[in-house]
Amino acid sequence: HAAAGNIVGQLTRLWETRTLPHAIALAGSGAADLSGLGQMFLESVYGGKPEVGFMMQVSPTGKDISIEQIRACKEFLLTTADAAHPRWIVVYDAHQLSSSAANALRKVLEEPPAHSYFLLLSDAWDSVLPTIASRVSVYRVHLEETQITQHPSYATYRELFESVRSRPLYEARQLLEPFFGE
């Protein structure tokens, strides 16, 4: 398990150097925390809130993520994208993909459209089908109990992320600055 701030910094550097894999996963405990961590990373990619029309979010409706939701993602990815305006698919609770949705996602992950990226989030990564897990770069993070040494105002990452979420971007960046060291 890696420190949450280090993961955001590492992913941001990979993005800036154009070496980010097309499919990444944040895996660990606390789905709400993973969601916040994913949002912080995407905000660093876009220099603020992700632009409308360049990101599609998918989460379970009912008991799972359906094949119809993944088909909608495939259609979304077929819209024009370029290096300045990449398309992002964010899959919350990826462990809840139905088997047919997982199969459809696997096919897209095998041959993704140009300038398309996937961010999968799961607090039960070991339940994700191996055919999906093998096509994704996984970053494991444990948020609830990890103690923060870089920021004395917050005892845990959970406290820090809750504070960051409610602040304007420039203030959030100032709070997170200790985590983006050399």
N, C-alpha and C. Protein backbone atom coordinates (compact mmCIF):
# COMPACT_ATOMS: atom_id res chain seq x y z
N HIS A 1 0.85 -1.19 0.00
CA HIS A 1 0.00 0.00 0.00
C HIS A 1 0.88 1.24 0.00
N ALA A 2 0.56 2.19 -0.83
CA ALA A 2 1.34 3.42 -0.94
C ALA A 2 0.58 4.58 -0.32
N ALA A 3 1.32 5.62 0.03
CA ALA A 3 0.69 6.82 0.58
C ALA A 3 -0.12 7.51 -0.51
N ALA A 4 -1.29 7.98 -0.14
CA ALA A 4 -2.22 8.57 -1.09
C ALA A 4 -1.62 9.76 -1.83
N GLY A 5 -1.01 10.69 -1.10
CA GLY A 5 -0.42 11.86 -1.73
C GLY A 5 0.67 11.49 -2.72
N ASN A 6 1.45 10.45 -2.37
CA ASN A 6 2.51 10.01 -3.28
C ASN A 6 1.93 9.46 -4.58
N ILE A 7 0.80 8.78 -4.49
CA ILE A 7 0.17 8.22 -5.69
C ILE A 7 -0.31 9.34 -6.60
N VAL A 8 -0.98 10.34 -6.06
CA VAL A 8 -1.43 11.47 -6.88
C VAL A 8 -0.24 12.14 -7.55
N GLY A 9 0.82 12.36 -6.79
CA GLY A 9 2.03 12.97 -7.35
C GLY A 9 2.65 12.12 -8.45
N GLN A 10 2.73 10.82 -8.21
CA GLN A 10 3.30 9.91 -9.21
C GLN A 10 2.46 9.89 -10.48
N LEU A 11 1.16 9.79 -10.34
CA LEU A 11 0.29 9.76 -11.52
C LEU A 11 0.35 11.09 -12.28
N THR A 12 0.41 12.18 -11.55
CA THR A 12 0.50 13.49 -12.20
C THR A 12 1.80 13.61 -12.99
N ARG A 13 2.89 13.15 -12.43
CA ARG A 13 4.17 13.19 -13.16
C ARG A 13 4.12 12.31 -14.41
N LEU A 14 3.51 11.14 -14.31
CA LEU A 14 3.37 10.27 -15.48
C LEU A 14 2.54 10.97 -16.56
N TRP A 15 1.48 11.65 -16.15
CA TRP A 15 0.64 12.38 -17.09
C TRP A 15 1.46 13.49 -17.77
N GLU A 16 2.18 14.26 -16.97
CA GLU A 16 2.94 15.40 -17.50
C GLU A 16 4.03 14.96 -18.46
N THR A 17 4.58 13.77 -18.25
CA THR A 17 5.64 13.26 -19.12
C THR A 17 5.08 12.37 -20.23
N ARG A 18 3.78 12.33 -20.33
CA ARG A 18 3.08 11.54 -21.36
C ARG A 18 3.43 10.05 -21.32
N THR A 19 3.62 9.55 -20.10
CA THR A 19 3.93 8.13 -19.92
C THR A 19 2.87 7.42 -19.07
N LEU A 20 1.74 8.07 -18.86
CA LEU A 20 0.66 7.47 -18.08
C LEU A 20 0.05 6.32 -18.87
N PRO A 21 -0.08 5.14 -18.25
CA PRO A 21 -0.77 4.05 -18.94
C PRO A 21 -2.20 4.45 -19.27
N HIS A 22 -2.78 3.86 -20.30
CA HIS A 22 -4.14 4.24 -20.70
C HIS A 22 -5.19 3.76 -19.70
N ALA A 23 -4.84 2.82 -18.84
CA ALA A 23 -5.80 2.31 -17.86
C ALA A 23 -5.11 2.16 -16.51
N ILE A 24 -5.65 2.86 -15.53
CA ILE A 24 -5.10 2.79 -14.18
C ILE A 24 -6.23 2.49 -13.21
N ALA A 25 -5.85 1.93 -12.07
CA ALA A 25 -6.84 1.64 -11.03
C ALA A 25 -6.29 2.11 -9.69
N LEU A 26 -7.16 2.68 -8.91
CA LEU A 26 -6.87 3.00 -7.52
C LEU A 26 -7.62 1.97 -6.69
N ALA A 27 -6.89 1.16 -5.96
CA ALA A 27 -7.48 0.07 -5.22
C ALA A 27 -7.12 0.21 -3.75
N GLY A 28 -8.09 0.00 -2.91
CA GLY A 28 -7.84 0.07 -1.48
C GLY A 28 -9.13 0.12 -0.71
N SER A 29 -9.02 0.44 0.55
CA SER A 29 -10.23 0.50 1.38
C SER A 29 -10.79 1.91 1.39
N GLY A 30 -12.08 2.02 1.50
CA GLY A 30 -12.73 3.32 1.58
C GLY A 30 -13.05 3.90 0.23
N ALA A 31 -14.10 3.45 -0.42
CA ALA A 31 -14.43 3.89 -1.77
C ALA A 31 -14.60 5.40 -1.86
N ALA A 32 -15.17 6.03 -0.84
CA ALA A 32 -15.34 7.49 -0.88
C ALA A 32 -13.99 8.17 -0.94
N ASP A 33 -13.01 7.65 -0.20
CA ASP A 33 -11.67 8.22 -0.23
C ASP A 33 -11.02 8.00 -1.60
N LEU A 34 -11.20 6.84 -2.19
CA LEU A 34 -10.65 6.58 -3.50
C LEU A 34 -11.26 7.53 -4.52
N SER A 35 -12.53 7.79 -4.37
CA SER A 35 -13.21 8.72 -5.25
C SER A 35 -12.58 10.11 -5.16
N GLY A 36 -12.34 10.57 -3.95
CA GLY A 36 -11.70 11.87 -3.76
C GLY A 36 -10.29 11.91 -4.31
N LEU A 37 -9.56 10.83 -4.13
CA LEU A 37 -8.20 10.73 -4.66
C LEU A 37 -8.22 10.77 -6.18
N GLY A 38 -9.14 10.03 -6.78
CA GLY A 38 -9.28 10.05 -8.24
C GLY A 38 -9.65 11.43 -8.74
N GLN A 39 -10.54 12.11 -8.04
CA GLN A 39 -10.95 13.46 -8.43
C GLN A 39 -9.77 14.42 -8.36
N MET A 40 -8.96 14.30 -7.31
CA MET A 40 -7.78 15.17 -7.20
C MET A 40 -6.82 14.95 -8.37
N PHE A 41 -6.62 13.68 -8.73
CA PHE A 41 -5.74 13.40 -9.86
C PHE A 41 -6.30 14.01 -11.15
N LEU A 42 -7.59 13.81 -11.41
CA LEU A 42 -8.19 14.36 -12.63
C LEU A 42 -8.15 15.88 -12.64
N GLU A 43 -8.31 16.50 -11.48
CA GLU A 43 -8.20 17.95 -11.42
C GLU A 43 -6.78 18.41 -11.71
N SER A 44 -5.79 17.61 -11.33
CA SER A 44 -4.41 17.98 -11.66
C SER A 44 -4.15 17.82 -13.15
N VAL A 45 -4.80 16.84 -13.78
CA VAL A 45 -4.67 16.64 -15.23
C VAL A 45 -5.24 17.84 -15.99
N TYR A 46 -6.41 18.29 -15.56
CA TYR A 46 -7.11 19.37 -16.26
C TYR A 46 -6.78 20.75 -15.74
N GLY A 47 -6.00 20.84 -14.66
CA GLY A 47 -5.71 22.15 -14.09
C GLY A 47 -6.96 22.75 -13.45
N GLY A 48 -7.85 21.94 -13.00
CA GLY A 48 -9.11 22.36 -12.41
C GLY A 48 -10.14 21.28 -12.61
N LYS A 49 -11.39 21.61 -12.52
CA LYS A 49 -12.44 20.62 -12.74
C LYS A 49 -12.35 20.08 -14.16
N PRO A 50 -12.52 18.76 -14.33
CA PRO A 50 -12.50 18.19 -15.69
C PRO A 50 -13.55 18.86 -16.58
N GLU A 51 -13.17 19.09 -17.81
CA GLU A 51 -14.06 19.76 -18.75
C GLU A 51 -15.28 18.90 -19.06
N VAL A 52 -16.42 19.56 -19.12
CA VAL A 52 -17.66 18.86 -19.46
C VAL A 52 -17.51 18.28 -20.87
N GLY A 53 -17.92 17.06 -21.05
CA GLY A 53 -17.86 16.43 -22.35
C GLY A 53 -16.59 15.62 -22.59
N PHE A 54 -15.65 15.67 -21.63
CA PHE A 54 -14.41 14.92 -21.81
C PHE A 54 -14.23 13.82 -20.78
N MET A 55 -15.24 13.64 -19.92
CA MET A 55 -15.17 12.60 -18.91
C MET A 55 -16.56 11.98 -18.75
N MET A 56 -16.58 10.66 -18.64
CA MET A 56 -17.82 9.94 -18.38
C MET A 56 -17.61 9.11 -17.12
N GLN A 57 -18.55 9.21 -16.20
CA GLN A 57 -18.46 8.47 -14.94
C GLN A 57 -19.49 7.35 -14.93
N VAL A 58 -19.06 6.19 -14.45
CA VAL A 58 -19.92 5.02 -14.41
C VAL A 58 -19.88 4.46 -12.99
N SER A 59 -21.04 4.17 -12.45
CA SER A 59 -21.12 3.53 -11.14
C SER A 59 -22.29 2.55 -11.16
N PRO A 60 -22.30 1.64 -10.21
CA PRO A 60 -23.36 0.63 -10.21
C PRO A 60 -24.75 1.27 -10.12
N THR A 61 -25.65 0.74 -10.91
CA THR A 61 -27.07 1.09 -10.78
C THR A 61 -27.74 -0.19 -10.34
N GLY A 62 -28.26 -0.17 -9.15
CA GLY A 62 -28.76 -1.42 -8.58
C GLY A 62 -27.59 -2.21 -8.03
N LYS A 63 -27.51 -3.47 -8.41
CA LYS A 63 -26.48 -4.34 -7.83
C LYS A 63 -25.16 -4.35 -8.60
N ASP A 64 -25.15 -3.85 -9.85
CA ASP A 64 -23.91 -3.92 -10.60
C ASP A 64 -23.84 -2.85 -11.69
N ILE A 65 -22.71 -2.85 -12.38
CA ILE A 65 -22.51 -1.99 -13.55
C ILE A 65 -22.93 -2.83 -14.76
N SER A 66 -23.83 -2.30 -15.55
CA SER A 66 -24.41 -3.09 -16.64
C SER A 66 -23.63 -2.96 -17.95
N ILE A 67 -23.89 -3.88 -18.84
CA ILE A 67 -23.27 -3.84 -20.16
C ILE A 67 -23.73 -2.59 -20.92
N GLU A 68 -24.96 -2.14 -20.68
CA GLU A 68 -25.45 -0.93 -21.35
C GLU A 68 -24.59 0.28 -20.96
N GLN A 69 -24.18 0.35 -19.70
CA GLN A 69 -23.33 1.45 -19.26
C GLN A 69 -21.98 1.41 -19.96
N ILE A 70 -21.42 0.23 -20.13
CA ILE A 70 -20.12 0.10 -20.80
C ILE A 70 -20.28 0.40 -22.29
N ARG A 71 -21.38 -0.01 -22.89
CA ARG A 71 -21.63 0.34 -24.30
C ARG A 71 -21.72 1.85 -24.48
N ALA A 72 -22.35 2.53 -23.53
CA ALA A 72 -22.42 4.01 -23.59
C ALA A 72 -21.01 4.60 -23.50
N CYS A 73 -20.15 3.99 -22.71
CA CYS A 73 -18.76 4.45 -22.62
C CYS A 73 -18.04 4.28 -23.95
N LYS A 74 -18.26 3.14 -24.59
CA LYS A 74 -17.63 2.90 -25.90
C LYS A 74 -18.07 3.96 -26.91
N GLU A 75 -19.35 4.29 -26.91
CA GLU A 75 -19.86 5.34 -27.82
C GLU A 75 -19.22 6.69 -27.50
N PHE A 76 -19.13 6.99 -26.21
CA PHE A 76 -18.52 8.24 -25.77
C PHE A 76 -17.08 8.35 -26.26
N LEU A 77 -16.35 7.25 -26.20
CA LEU A 77 -14.94 7.25 -26.62
C LEU A 77 -14.78 7.43 -28.13
N LEU A 78 -15.82 7.17 -28.88
CA LEU A 78 -15.73 7.32 -30.33
C LEU A 78 -15.87 8.77 -30.78
N THR A 79 -16.27 9.65 -29.86
CA THR A 79 -16.33 11.07 -30.21
C THR A 79 -14.91 11.59 -30.35
N THR A 80 -14.76 12.66 -31.08
CA THR A 80 -13.43 13.18 -31.38
C THR A 80 -12.66 13.53 -30.11
N ALA A 81 -11.47 13.02 -30.01
CA ALA A 81 -10.57 13.34 -28.91
C ALA A 81 -9.19 13.61 -29.50
N ASP A 82 -8.43 14.46 -28.84
CA ASP A 82 -7.06 14.70 -29.25
C ASP A 82 -6.21 14.86 -28.00
N ALA A 83 -4.91 15.05 -28.16
CA ALA A 83 -4.01 15.12 -27.02
C ALA A 83 -4.40 16.25 -26.05
N ALA A 84 -4.93 17.34 -26.57
CA ALA A 84 -5.33 18.46 -25.72
C ALA A 84 -6.68 18.22 -25.03
N HIS A 85 -7.47 17.31 -25.56
CA HIS A 85 -8.79 17.01 -25.02
C HIS A 85 -9.03 15.50 -24.95
N PRO A 86 -8.27 14.81 -24.09
CA PRO A 86 -8.45 13.35 -23.99
C PRO A 86 -9.80 13.01 -23.37
N ARG A 87 -10.26 11.81 -23.62
CA ARG A 87 -11.50 11.30 -23.04
C ARG A 87 -11.13 10.41 -21.84
N TRP A 88 -11.87 10.59 -20.77
CA TRP A 88 -11.67 9.79 -19.57
C TRP A 88 -12.94 9.03 -19.23
N ILE A 89 -12.78 7.76 -18.92
CA ILE A 89 -13.86 6.94 -18.37
C ILE A 89 -13.47 6.64 -16.93
N VAL A 90 -14.31 7.02 -15.99
CA VAL A 90 -14.07 6.75 -14.58
C VAL A 90 -15.10 5.72 -14.13
N VAL A 91 -14.61 4.57 -13.68
CA VAL A 91 -15.49 3.48 -13.25
C VAL A 91 -15.38 3.34 -11.73
N TYR A 92 -16.45 3.73 -11.04
CA TYR A 92 -16.51 3.59 -9.59
C TYR A 92 -16.95 2.18 -9.24
N ASP A 93 -16.42 1.65 -8.17
CA ASP A 93 -16.78 0.29 -7.72
C ASP A 93 -16.61 -0.72 -8.86
N ALA A 94 -15.43 -0.73 -9.45
CA ALA A 94 -15.15 -1.60 -10.60
C ALA A 94 -15.37 -3.08 -10.28
N HIS A 95 -15.30 -3.44 -9.03
CA HIS A 95 -15.56 -4.84 -8.64
C HIS A 95 -17.01 -5.23 -8.84
N GLN A 96 -17.88 -4.26 -9.15
CA GLN A 96 -19.29 -4.55 -9.36
C GLN A 96 -19.68 -4.58 -10.84
N LEU A 97 -18.71 -4.75 -11.72
CA LEU A 97 -19.03 -4.94 -13.14
C LEU A 97 -19.73 -6.29 -13.30
N SER A 98 -20.85 -6.30 -14.02
CA SER A 98 -21.46 -7.59 -14.34
C SER A 98 -20.50 -8.34 -15.25
N SER A 99 -20.67 -9.64 -15.40
CA SER A 99 -19.74 -10.40 -16.24
C SER A 99 -19.78 -9.92 -17.69
N SER A 100 -20.96 -9.59 -18.20
CA SER A 100 -21.03 -9.10 -19.58
C SER A 100 -20.42 -7.70 -19.71
N ALA A 101 -20.58 -6.86 -18.69
CA ALA A 101 -19.97 -5.52 -18.71
C ALA A 101 -18.45 -5.65 -18.62
N ALA A 102 -17.97 -6.56 -17.78
CA ALA A 102 -16.52 -6.77 -17.67
C ALA A 102 -15.93 -7.25 -18.99
N ASN A 103 -16.63 -8.13 -19.67
CA ASN A 103 -16.16 -8.62 -20.97
C ASN A 103 -16.11 -7.49 -22.00
N ALA A 104 -17.14 -6.64 -22.00
CA ALA A 104 -17.16 -5.50 -22.93
C ALA A 104 -16.05 -4.51 -22.60
N LEU A 105 -15.83 -4.27 -21.31
CA LEU A 105 -14.76 -3.35 -20.91
C LEU A 105 -13.39 -3.93 -21.27
N ARG A 106 -13.23 -5.23 -21.09
CA ARG A 106 -11.96 -5.88 -21.44
C ARG A 106 -11.62 -5.62 -22.91
N LYS A 107 -12.60 -5.73 -23.78
CA LYS A 107 -12.37 -5.51 -25.21
C LYS A 107 -11.93 -4.08 -25.49
N VAL A 108 -12.53 -3.12 -24.80
CA VAL A 108 -12.14 -1.71 -24.99
C VAL A 108 -10.73 -1.48 -24.44
N LEU A 109 -10.42 -2.10 -23.30
CA LEU A 109 -9.10 -1.94 -22.71
C LEU A 109 -8.01 -2.55 -23.59
N GLU A 110 -8.36 -3.61 -24.32
CA GLU A 110 -7.38 -4.25 -25.21
C GLU A 110 -7.01 -3.36 -26.38
N GLU A 111 -7.97 -2.63 -26.92
CA GLU A 111 -7.73 -1.74 -28.06
C GLU A 111 -8.43 -0.41 -27.83
N PRO A 112 -7.87 0.40 -26.94
CA PRO A 112 -8.53 1.67 -26.62
C PRO A 112 -8.39 2.67 -27.77
N PRO A 113 -9.40 3.50 -27.97
CA PRO A 113 -9.28 4.56 -28.96
C PRO A 113 -8.15 5.53 -28.55
N ALA A 114 -7.57 6.21 -29.52
CA ALA A 114 -6.50 7.16 -29.23
C ALA A 114 -6.99 8.22 -28.26
N HIS A 115 -6.11 8.66 -27.39
CA HIS A 115 -6.37 9.73 -26.43
C HIS A 115 -7.52 9.39 -25.48
N SER A 116 -7.63 8.11 -25.15
CA SER A 116 -8.64 7.64 -24.21
C SER A 116 -7.96 7.05 -22.99
N TYR A 117 -8.50 7.37 -21.83
CA TYR A 117 -7.93 6.90 -20.57
C TYR A 117 -9.04 6.35 -19.68
N PHE A 118 -8.65 5.40 -18.84
CA PHE A 118 -9.58 4.76 -17.92
C PHE A 118 -9.04 4.87 -16.52
N LEU A 119 -9.91 5.23 -15.59
CA LEU A 119 -9.59 5.26 -14.17
C LEU A 119 -10.62 4.39 -13.47
N LEU A 120 -10.17 3.26 -12.94
CA LEU A 120 -11.05 2.35 -12.23
C LEU A 120 -10.80 2.49 -10.73
N LEU A 121 -11.85 2.52 -9.95
CA LEU A 121 -11.76 2.66 -8.50
C LEU A 121 -12.46 1.47 -7.86
N SER A 122 -11.82 0.88 -6.86
CA SER A 122 -12.45 -0.25 -6.18
C SER A 122 -11.88 -0.43 -4.79
N ASP A 123 -12.78 -0.64 -3.84
CA ASP A 123 -12.33 -0.97 -2.49
C ASP A 123 -12.37 -2.48 -2.26
N ALA A 124 -12.56 -3.24 -3.35
CA ALA A 124 -12.52 -4.71 -3.30
C ALA A 124 -11.82 -5.21 -4.56
N TRP A 125 -10.61 -4.71 -4.81
CA TRP A 125 -9.92 -4.99 -6.06
C TRP A 125 -9.72 -6.48 -6.30
N ASP A 126 -9.54 -7.24 -5.27
CA ASP A 126 -9.34 -8.69 -5.44
C ASP A 126 -10.57 -9.37 -6.04
N SER A 127 -11.71 -8.68 -6.06
CA SER A 127 -12.93 -9.23 -6.66
C SER A 127 -13.07 -8.86 -8.13
N VAL A 128 -12.20 -8.00 -8.63
CA VAL A 128 -12.24 -7.62 -10.05
C VAL A 128 -11.75 -8.81 -10.86
N LEU A 129 -12.44 -9.08 -11.96
CA LEU A 129 -12.06 -10.22 -12.79
C LEU A 129 -10.61 -10.09 -13.26
N PRO A 130 -9.87 -11.18 -13.26
CA PRO A 130 -8.47 -11.15 -13.70
C PRO A 130 -8.29 -10.61 -15.12
N THR A 131 -9.27 -10.81 -15.99
CA THR A 131 -9.16 -10.31 -17.36
C THR A 131 -9.17 -8.79 -17.41
N ILE A 132 -9.76 -8.14 -16.42
CA ILE A 132 -9.73 -6.68 -16.32
C ILE A 132 -8.46 -6.27 -15.59
N ALA A 133 -8.20 -6.89 -14.45
CA ALA A 133 -7.06 -6.52 -13.62
C ALA A 133 -5.73 -6.62 -14.37
N SER A 134 -5.61 -7.57 -15.27
CA SER A 134 -4.35 -7.76 -16.01
C SER A 134 -4.12 -6.67 -17.06
N ARG A 135 -5.12 -5.88 -17.37
CA ARG A 135 -5.00 -4.84 -18.40
C ARG A 135 -4.93 -3.44 -17.80
N VAL A 136 -4.75 -3.36 -16.49
CA VAL A 136 -4.79 -2.10 -15.78
C VAL A 136 -3.55 -1.98 -14.89
N SER A 137 -2.96 -0.80 -14.81
CA SER A 137 -1.88 -0.54 -13.86
C SER A 137 -2.53 -0.19 -12.52
N VAL A 138 -2.29 -1.02 -11.53
CA VAL A 138 -2.99 -0.89 -10.24
C VAL A 138 -2.10 -0.17 -9.23
N TYR A 139 -2.70 0.82 -8.57
CA TYR A 139 -2.05 1.55 -7.49
C TYR A 139 -2.87 1.28 -6.23
N ARG A 140 -2.25 0.56 -5.31
CA ARG A 140 -2.97 0.21 -4.07
C ARG A 140 -2.69 1.28 -3.01
N VAL A 141 -3.75 1.69 -2.36
CA VAL A 141 -3.63 2.73 -1.35
C VAL A 141 -4.54 2.39 -0.18
N HIS A 142 -4.07 2.68 1.00
CA HIS A 142 -4.87 2.49 2.21
C HIS A 142 -5.00 3.84 2.87
N LEU A 143 -6.22 4.35 2.95
CA LEU A 143 -6.41 5.73 3.36
C LEU A 143 -6.80 5.92 4.82
N GLU A 144 -7.67 5.12 5.35
CA GLU A 144 -8.24 5.43 6.67
C GLU A 144 -7.22 5.50 7.79
N GLU A 145 -6.31 4.56 7.82
CA GLU A 145 -5.43 4.47 8.97
C GLU A 145 -4.04 5.01 8.72
N THR A 146 -3.77 5.46 7.52
CA THR A 146 -2.44 5.96 7.20
C THR A 146 -2.22 7.29 7.89
N GLN A 147 -1.18 7.36 8.66
CA GLN A 147 -0.87 8.60 9.38
C GLN A 147 -0.11 9.54 8.45
N ILE A 148 -0.39 10.82 8.61
CA ILE A 148 0.26 11.84 7.80
C ILE A 148 1.41 12.43 8.59
N THR A 149 2.58 12.47 7.99
CA THR A 149 3.71 13.14 8.63
C THR A 149 4.01 14.46 7.94
N GLN A 150 3.59 14.61 6.66
CA GLN A 150 3.89 15.82 5.90
C GLN A 150 2.99 16.99 6.26
N HIS A 151 1.87 16.75 6.92
CA HIS A 151 0.92 17.83 7.17
C HIS A 151 0.41 17.72 8.61
N PRO A 152 0.99 18.48 9.53
CA PRO A 152 0.65 18.32 10.95
C PRO A 152 -0.79 18.69 11.32
N SER A 153 -1.52 19.41 10.44
CA SER A 153 -2.89 19.82 10.77
C SER A 153 -3.89 18.68 10.64
N TYR A 154 -3.51 17.59 10.00
CA TYR A 154 -4.42 16.47 9.77
C TYR A 154 -3.78 15.18 10.25
N ALA A 155 -4.56 14.37 10.95
CA ALA A 155 -4.03 13.12 11.51
C ALA A 155 -4.01 12.01 10.48
N THR A 156 -5.00 12.00 9.57
CA THR A 156 -5.09 10.91 8.59
C THR A 156 -5.39 11.48 7.22
N TYR A 157 -5.17 10.68 6.20
CA TYR A 157 -5.49 11.10 4.84
C TYR A 157 -6.98 11.38 4.68
N ARG A 158 -7.80 10.61 5.37
CA ARG A 158 -9.25 10.83 5.29
C ARG A 158 -9.58 12.26 5.69
N GLU A 159 -9.02 12.73 6.80
CA GLU A 159 -9.28 14.11 7.26
C GLU A 159 -8.78 15.12 6.23
N LEU A 160 -7.60 14.90 5.68
CA LEU A 160 -7.05 15.81 4.69
C LEU A 160 -7.94 15.86 3.44
N PHE A 161 -8.35 14.70 2.93
CA PHE A 161 -9.16 14.68 1.70
C PHE A 161 -10.52 15.33 1.91
N GLU A 162 -11.11 15.11 3.08
CA GLU A 162 -12.38 15.77 3.36
C GLU A 162 -12.22 17.29 3.34
N SER A 163 -11.12 17.77 3.87
CA SER A 163 -10.86 19.21 3.88
C SER A 163 -10.59 19.74 2.47
N VAL A 164 -9.81 19.00 1.70
CA VAL A 164 -9.44 19.43 0.35
C VAL A 164 -10.68 19.52 -0.55
N ARG A 165 -11.58 18.58 -0.43
CA ARG A 165 -12.78 18.55 -1.28
C ARG A 165 -13.60 19.82 -1.19
N SER A 166 -13.62 20.44 -0.03
CA SER A 166 -14.50 21.60 0.18
C SER A 166 -13.81 22.93 -0.14
N ARG A 167 -12.61 22.89 -0.64
CA ARG A 167 -11.86 24.12 -0.87
C ARG A 167 -11.71 24.43 -2.36
N PRO A 168 -11.51 25.71 -2.69
CA PRO A 168 -11.19 26.06 -4.07
C PRO A 168 -9.87 25.39 -4.47
N LEU A 169 -9.68 25.18 -5.77
CA LEU A 169 -8.52 24.45 -6.26
C LEU A 169 -7.20 25.01 -5.77
N TYR A 170 -7.03 26.35 -5.81
CA TYR A 170 -5.74 26.91 -5.40
C TYR A 170 -5.45 26.62 -3.93
N GLU A 171 -6.47 26.62 -3.06
CA GLU A 171 -6.25 26.30 -1.66
C GLU A 171 -5.95 24.81 -1.49
N ALA A 172 -6.65 23.98 -2.24
CA ALA A 172 -6.41 22.54 -2.17
C ALA A 172 -4.98 22.22 -2.59
N ARG A 173 -4.51 22.87 -3.64
CA ARG A 173 -3.12 22.64 -4.08
C ARG A 173 -2.12 23.04 -3.00
N GLN A 174 -2.39 24.15 -2.30
CA GLN A 174 -1.50 24.58 -1.22
C GLN A 174 -1.46 23.54 -0.10
N LEU A 175 -2.62 22.96 0.23
CA LEU A 175 -2.66 21.92 1.26
C LEU A 175 -1.87 20.69 0.85
N LEU A 176 -1.93 20.37 -0.45
CA LEU A 176 -1.29 19.14 -0.93
C LEU A 176 0.18 19.32 -1.31
N GLU A 177 0.65 20.55 -1.34
CA GLU A 177 2.03 20.84 -1.77
C GLU A 177 3.08 19.97 -1.06
N PRO A 178 2.97 19.70 0.25
CA PRO A 178 3.99 18.88 0.89
C PRO A 178 4.12 17.47 0.33
N PHE A 179 3.11 16.99 -0.38
CA PHE A 179 3.13 15.63 -0.90
C PHE A 179 3.75 15.54 -2.29
N PHE A 180 4.01 16.66 -2.91
CA PHE A 180 4.52 16.66 -4.29
C PHE A 180 5.99 17.07 -4.33
N GLY A 181 6.76 16.58 -3.38
CA GLY A 181 8.18 16.91 -3.32
C GLY A 181 8.94 16.34 -4.50
N GLU A 182 10.20 16.66 -4.53
CA GLU A 182 11.08 16.24 -5.64
C GLU A 182 11.06 14.74 -5.78
